[in-house]
Amino acid sequence: MYFAALLARTEDGWEASDTELDDVETLSDLADLAREASPEDDTVLVLIEQEDAWFGVVRIDGEDDPRIYVSDAAAAARSSYGEILLTDELLGREPGDDGADLDSLDLDGTEEPDDDADTDDDTDDEDGGGSAEAVPHSPVGDSEILDDLGIGEKELKALDADDALGAIAEALGASEVLETVR
């Protein structure tokens, strides 16, 4: 299971709405959805968690490019919703240099995390194709995404996937509005 919500900052505080990501296919689609939640071009956070395995935060500030943080890239890569966030740029690779062809996987967003997956570094190909390092088992993205909102890099990286969204909402003073859509 996954949970996704939009938190839009307004002059009256944070407003939350749950969102379905079934029709969202790209990061651009997700950014457009977030911008619709804030007609004043205020900050909008898209919070996504899946199976207590990973969480992601996408920050949209007006027409600026989205800023992204994903707590565990490898876990997110096994989810169609995580795949939306894991852009080539975020993973530090050239466009089209997938290593693992995520587009060929039939993901519906309900996949179970594969805790038994072989994560040894010796599974890497010498030529770089199919490399286990193509998607790291670590956080990726902008770890300073919430600095100005009161959650520093160290605090963000220390959050557990099972309670991260609640902790983020609490730090923002938005826990009550988030719980109304959960």
Protein backbone atom coordinates (compact mmCIF):
# COMPACT_ATOMS: atom_id res chain seq x y z
CA MET A 1 0.00 0.00 0.00
CA TYR A 2 1.02 3.55 -0.50
CA PHE A 3 -0.13 6.89 0.84
CA ALA A 4 0.27 10.20 -0.94
CA ALA A 5 -0.81 13.63 0.19
CA LEU A 6 -0.34 17.22 -0.84
CA LEU A 7 0.47 19.85 1.77
CA ALA A 8 -0.02 23.35 0.42
CA ARG A 9 1.21 26.32 2.44
CA THR A 10 -1.27 29.16 2.49
CA GLU A 11 -1.44 32.41 4.40
CA ASP A 12 -3.76 30.60 6.84
CA GLY A 13 -1.36 27.70 7.39
CA TRP A 14 -1.02 24.30 5.77
CA GLU A 15 -3.86 22.67 3.85
CA ALA A 16 -3.75 18.96 3.13
CA SER A 17 -5.40 16.84 0.50
CA ASP A 18 -4.94 13.21 -0.33
CA THR A 19 -4.10 12.44 -3.88
CA GLU A 20 -4.26 9.48 -6.18
CA LEU A 21 -1.15 8.94 -8.24
CA ASP A 22 -2.73 6.41 -10.61
CA ASP A 23 -2.93 8.97 -13.45
CA VAL A 24 0.48 10.49 -12.72
CA GLU A 25 3.10 9.07 -15.07
CA THR A 26 5.94 11.58 -14.87
CA LEU A 27 7.51 14.04 -12.48
CA SER A 28 6.08 16.81 -14.65
CA ASP A 29 2.56 15.41 -14.14
CA LEU A 30 3.17 15.32 -10.39
CA ALA A 31 4.45 18.91 -10.39
CA ASP A 32 1.38 20.07 -12.32
CA LEU A 33 -0.89 18.31 -9.83
CA ALA A 34 0.92 20.01 -6.95
CA ARG A 35 0.74 23.44 -8.57
CA GLU A 36 -3.03 23.06 -8.95
CA ALA A 37 -3.24 22.73 -5.14
CA SER A 38 -1.81 26.22 -4.65
CA PRO A 39 -3.25 28.95 -6.86
CA GLU A 40 -0.99 31.53 -5.19
CA ASP A 41 2.25 29.76 -6.21
CA ASP A 42 2.98 29.00 -2.55
CA THR A 43 5.04 26.03 -1.46
CA VAL A 44 3.45 22.62 -2.00
CA LEU A 45 4.88 19.40 -0.64
CA VAL A 46 3.98 16.05 -2.10
CA LEU A 47 4.50 13.40 0.56
CA ILE A 48 4.59 9.77 -0.53
CA GLU A 49 5.22 6.64 1.51
CA GLN A 50 5.01 3.00 0.56
CA GLU A 51 4.88 -0.14 2.67
CA ASP A 52 6.95 1.50 5.39
CA ALA A 53 9.90 0.80 3.10
CA TRP A 54 10.57 4.28 1.75
CA PHE A 55 9.22 7.80 1.66
CA GLY A 56 9.63 10.67 -0.72
CA VAL A 57 9.15 14.41 -0.56
CA VAL A 58 8.67 16.56 -3.64
CA ARG A 59 8.72 20.30 -3.11
CA ILE A 60 7.18 22.67 -5.60
CA ASP A 61 7.73 26.41 -5.15
CA GLY A 62 5.73 28.23 -7.82
CA GLU A 63 7.14 27.58 -11.26
CA ASP A 64 10.56 26.46 -9.98
CA ASP A 65 11.74 22.97 -10.86
CA PRO A 66 10.62 20.32 -8.36
CA ARG A 67 13.04 19.43 -5.59
CA ILE A 68 13.04 15.77 -4.60
CA TYR A 69 14.19 13.65 -1.69
CA VAL A 70 13.76 9.85 -1.55
CA SER A 71 14.73 7.96 1.63
CA ASP A 72 15.75 4.69 -0.07
CA ALA A 73 16.21 4.75 -3.83
CA ALA A 74 16.41 0.97 -4.25
CA ALA A 75 13.13 0.40 -2.38
CA ALA A 76 11.47 3.22 -4.32
CA ALA A 77 12.70 1.77 -7.63
CA ARG A 78 10.53 -1.29 -7.00
CA SER A 79 7.42 0.93 -6.97
CA SER A 80 5.78 2.64 -9.91
CA TYR A 81 5.24 5.66 -7.65
CA GLY A 82 8.88 5.73 -6.64
CA GLU A 83 9.90 5.39 -10.26
CA ILE A 84 8.20 8.75 -10.94
CA LEU A 85 10.61 10.41 -8.50
CA LEU A 86 13.79 8.59 -9.51
CA THR A 87 14.83 10.67 -12.47
CA ASP A 88 18.13 10.10 -14.25
CA GLU A 89 19.37 13.41 -12.87
CA LEU A 90 18.46 12.42 -9.30
CA LEU A 91 20.33 9.12 -9.70
CA GLY A 92 23.33 10.86 -11.29
CA ARG A 93 23.22 9.05 -14.61
CA GLU A 94 22.83 10.02 -18.21
CA PRO A 95 19.28 9.94 -19.62
CA GLY A 96 18.55 6.48 -21.00
CA ASP A 97 21.43 4.86 -19.07
CA ASP A 98 19.11 2.82 -16.86
CA GLY A 99 21.34 -0.03 -15.78
CA ALA A 100 18.13 -1.81 -14.88
CA ASP A 101 15.32 -1.12 -17.34
CA LEU A 102 12.60 0.11 -14.95
CA ASP A 103 10.24 0.85 -17.84
CA SER A 104 10.03 -2.84 -18.72
CA LEU A 105 8.75 -3.75 -15.27
CA ASP A 106 4.99 -3.97 -14.82
CA LEU A 107 4.62 -2.05 -11.56
CA ASP A 108 1.27 -1.10 -10.13
CA GLY A 109 2.40 0.54 -6.89
CA THR A 110 1.50 -2.38 -4.63
CA GLU A 111 4.76 -4.30 -4.78
CA GLU A 112 6.18 -5.73 -1.58
CA PRO A 113 9.72 -4.67 -0.69
CA ASP A 114 12.20 -7.44 -1.49
CA ASP A 115 14.12 -7.75 1.77
CA ASP A 116 15.92 -10.85 0.48
CA ALA A 117 17.42 -9.02 -2.51
CA ASP A 118 21.13 -9.54 -2.97
CA THR A 119 22.76 -6.21 -2.19
CA ASP A 120 26.41 -7.31 -2.40
CA ASP A 121 28.56 -4.99 -4.44
CA ASP A 122 30.06 -7.97 -6.27
CA THR A 123 26.86 -8.29 -8.34
CA ASP A 124 27.95 -5.38 -10.50
CA ASP A 125 28.81 -5.96 -14.13
CA GLU A 126 32.27 -4.87 -15.13
CA ASP A 127 30.84 -2.95 -18.08
CA GLY A 128 28.27 -1.09 -15.95
CA GLY A 129 25.16 -2.76 -17.40
CA GLY A 130 22.70 -4.16 -14.86
CA SER A 131 24.69 -2.74 -11.99
CA ALA A 132 23.34 -3.02 -8.46
CA GLU A 133 24.74 0.46 -7.96
CA ALA A 134 22.43 1.88 -10.61
CA VAL A 135 19.93 2.48 -7.81
CA PRO A 136 21.57 2.80 -4.38
CA HIS A 137 20.14 1.46 -1.11
CA SER A 138 20.42 4.93 0.38
CA PRO A 139 18.78 8.34 0.32
CA VAL A 140 18.99 10.34 -2.90
CA GLY A 141 18.06 13.86 -3.81
CA ASP A 142 17.98 17.18 -2.04
CA SER A 143 18.43 16.41 1.66
CA GLU A 144 18.12 20.14 2.43
CA ILE A 145 14.64 20.25 0.86
CA LEU A 146 12.95 21.16 4.17
CA ASP A 147 15.73 23.21 5.85
CA ASP A 148 13.84 26.51 5.70
CA LEU A 149 10.72 24.77 7.05
CA GLY A 150 12.46 23.54 10.22
CA ILE A 151 13.66 20.07 9.24
CA GLY A 152 17.37 19.95 8.64
CA GLU A 153 19.34 17.46 6.58
CA LYS A 154 20.39 15.40 9.59
CA GLU A 155 16.81 15.14 10.91
CA LEU A 156 15.43 14.21 7.49
CA LYS A 157 17.98 11.45 6.95
CA ALA A 158 17.30 10.08 10.46
CA LEU A 159 13.56 9.60 9.87
CA ASP A 160 12.23 6.04 9.74
CA ALA A 161 10.06 5.26 6.73
CA ASP A 162 7.24 4.02 8.94
CA ASP A 163 6.64 7.37 10.66
CA ALA A 164 8.44 9.92 8.47
CA LEU A 165 5.40 11.69 7.02
CA GLY A 166 3.89 12.15 10.48
CA ALA A 167 7.17 13.52 11.80
CA ILE A 168 7.49 15.91 8.86
CA ALA A 169 3.92 17.12 9.27
CA GLU A 170 4.43 17.59 13.01
CA ALA A 171 7.56 19.68 12.46
CA LEU A 172 5.63 21.82 9.95
CA GLY A 173 2.71 22.25 12.34
CA ALA A 174 0.50 20.35 9.90
CA SER A 175 -0.01 17.01 11.65
CA GLU A 176 -3.72 17.59 12.27
CA VAL A 177 -4.47 18.48 8.64
CA LEU A 178 -2.42 15.54 7.39
CA GLU A 179 -4.27 13.13 9.68
CA THR A 180 -7.61 14.31 8.27
CA VAL A 181 -6.66 12.96 4.85
CA ARG A 182 -4.86 9.84 6.02
